[in-house]
Amino acid sequence: MKKVFVLNSEYFGHGDNKLGNQLMGAFLKKVWGKDEKPDAIIFYNSAVKLLARGSDYLDALTGLEEAGVELLACGTCINSYELKEHMEVGLISGMQEIVEIMMEAESVITI
């Protein structure tokens, strides 16, 4: 893996959640539109909600997955938010795999 993004919240940044939600959508859509994409995006804590039914950004996330970007959701987080039956995109992963991907990456960018 060369480049890995880590999303730890359903919002981009801290402060106003409505603005943070809009910024996350803009971010995901811009990444989807780029020729060069990350190899993987890891979702943990409330960021896993982005992968579930009802997310405003399933189009961008589905497009990223179809473009070959691995979308990996923290299994503990999925269970905590009771989203296992509601996942629309991505794969449920464990901390061991997440650590391995991050350790092997040339670049890890946390959003």
Protein backbone atom coordinates (compact mmCIF):
# COMPACT_ATOMS: atom_id res chain seq x y z
CA MET A 1 0.00 0.00 0.00
CA LYS A 2 1.25 3.40 -0.86
CA LYS A 3 -1.36 5.83 0.45
CA VAL A 4 -3.94 5.26 3.16
CA PHE A 5 -6.52 7.71 4.47
CA VAL A 6 -7.96 7.27 7.95
CA LEU A 7 -11.35 8.74 8.79
CA ASN A 8 -12.20 8.80 12.48
CA SER A 9 -15.43 10.77 12.37
CA GLU A 10 -18.46 11.17 10.16
CA TYR A 11 -17.58 14.88 10.15
CA PHE A 12 -14.63 16.65 8.56
CA GLY A 13 -12.97 18.62 11.34
CA HIS A 14 -14.27 19.75 14.71
CA GLY A 15 -16.87 22.37 15.49
CA ASP A 16 -20.15 22.74 13.66
CA ASN A 17 -21.38 19.24 12.71
CA LYS A 18 -23.57 20.47 9.85
CA LEU A 19 -20.58 22.17 8.27
CA GLY A 20 -18.39 19.15 9.06
CA ASN A 21 -20.88 16.89 7.27
CA GLN A 22 -20.85 19.13 4.19
CA LEU A 23 -17.05 19.25 4.22
CA MET A 24 -16.82 15.44 4.50
CA GLY A 25 -19.08 15.11 1.48
CA ALA A 26 -17.00 17.58 -0.52
CA PHE A 27 -13.82 15.77 0.52
CA LEU A 28 -15.07 12.31 -0.48
CA LYS A 29 -16.42 13.56 -3.81
CA LYS A 30 -13.12 15.32 -4.63
CA VAL A 31 -11.12 12.19 -3.79
CA TRP A 32 -13.50 10.15 -5.97
CA GLY A 33 -12.97 12.60 -8.84
CA LYS A 34 -9.15 12.52 -8.70
CA ASP A 35 -7.16 10.38 -11.09
CA GLU A 36 -4.84 9.33 -8.27
CA LYS A 37 -6.71 7.78 -5.39
CA PRO A 38 -5.61 6.29 -2.07
CA ASP A 39 -5.10 2.56 -1.94
CA ALA A 40 -7.33 2.29 1.12
CA ILE A 41 -9.56 4.31 3.39
CA ILE A 42 -9.93 3.10 6.95
CA PHE A 43 -13.08 4.10 8.85
CA TYR A 44 -13.31 3.96 12.63
CA ASN A 45 -15.39 5.46 15.40
CA SER A 46 -18.37 7.38 13.94
CA ALA A 47 -16.81 7.43 10.45
CA VAL A 48 -18.23 3.92 9.95
CA LYS A 49 -21.67 5.56 9.67
CA LEU A 50 -20.57 6.89 6.27
CA LEU A 51 -20.60 3.31 4.92
CA ALA A 52 -24.11 2.47 6.08
CA ARG A 53 -27.61 2.83 4.70
CA GLY A 54 -28.74 6.45 4.95
CA SER A 55 -25.29 7.95 4.38
CA ASP A 56 -25.39 10.98 2.11
CA TYR A 57 -22.15 9.93 0.42
CA LEU A 58 -22.71 6.37 -0.72
CA ASP A 59 -22.36 7.46 -4.36
CA ALA A 60 -18.81 8.71 -3.82
CA LEU A 61 -17.88 5.76 -1.61
CA THR A 62 -19.30 3.23 -4.07
CA GLY A 63 -17.40 4.99 -6.86
CA LEU A 64 -14.17 4.83 -4.85
CA GLU A 65 -14.67 1.14 -4.14
CA GLU A 66 -15.40 0.45 -7.82
CA ALA A 67 -12.19 2.32 -8.67
CA GLY A 68 -10.23 -0.15 -6.53
CA VAL A 69 -9.97 1.74 -3.23
CA GLU A 70 -10.29 -0.61 -0.25
CA LEU A 71 -12.87 0.70 2.20
CA LEU A 72 -12.27 -0.91 5.57
CA ALA A 73 -14.55 -0.43 8.56
CA CYS A 74 -13.50 -1.15 12.13
CA GLY A 75 -15.54 -4.17 13.22
CA THR A 76 -15.71 -3.07 16.86
CA CYS A 77 -17.10 0.29 15.72
CA ILE A 78 -19.64 -1.34 13.40
CA ASN A 79 -20.84 -3.48 16.31
CA SER A 80 -20.93 -0.52 18.69
CA TYR A 81 -23.16 1.47 16.33
CA GLU A 82 -25.15 -1.68 15.44
CA LEU A 83 -24.53 -1.18 11.71
CA LYS A 84 -23.58 -4.69 10.58
CA GLU A 85 -26.92 -5.28 8.85
CA HIS A 86 -26.91 -1.78 7.37
CA MET A 87 -23.52 -1.72 5.61
CA GLU A 88 -23.93 -0.63 1.99
CA VAL A 89 -20.29 -0.41 0.93
CA GLY A 90 -16.90 -1.46 2.26
CA LEU A 91 -15.66 -4.41 4.26
CA ILE A 92 -15.67 -5.03 7.99
CA SER A 93 -12.11 -5.38 9.23
CA GLY A 94 -10.31 -6.08 12.47
CA MET A 95 -7.70 -4.04 14.27
CA GLN A 96 -4.97 -6.52 13.29
CA GLU A 97 -5.57 -5.90 9.58
CA ILE A 98 -5.91 -2.14 10.12
CA VAL A 99 -2.57 -2.03 11.96
CA GLU A 100 -0.87 -4.07 9.23
CA ILE A 101 -2.18 -1.81 6.47
CA MET A 102 -1.09 1.31 8.32
CA MET A 103 2.36 -0.12 9.07
CA GLU A 104 2.92 -1.12 5.44
CA ALA A 105 1.72 2.17 3.97
CA GLU A 106 4.19 4.72 2.68
CA SER A 107 1.79 7.48 3.71
CA VAL A 108 -1.05 7.51 6.26
CA ILE A 109 -3.19 10.63 6.31
CA THR A 110 -5.71 11.04 9.12
CA ILE A 111 -8.73 13.21 8.41
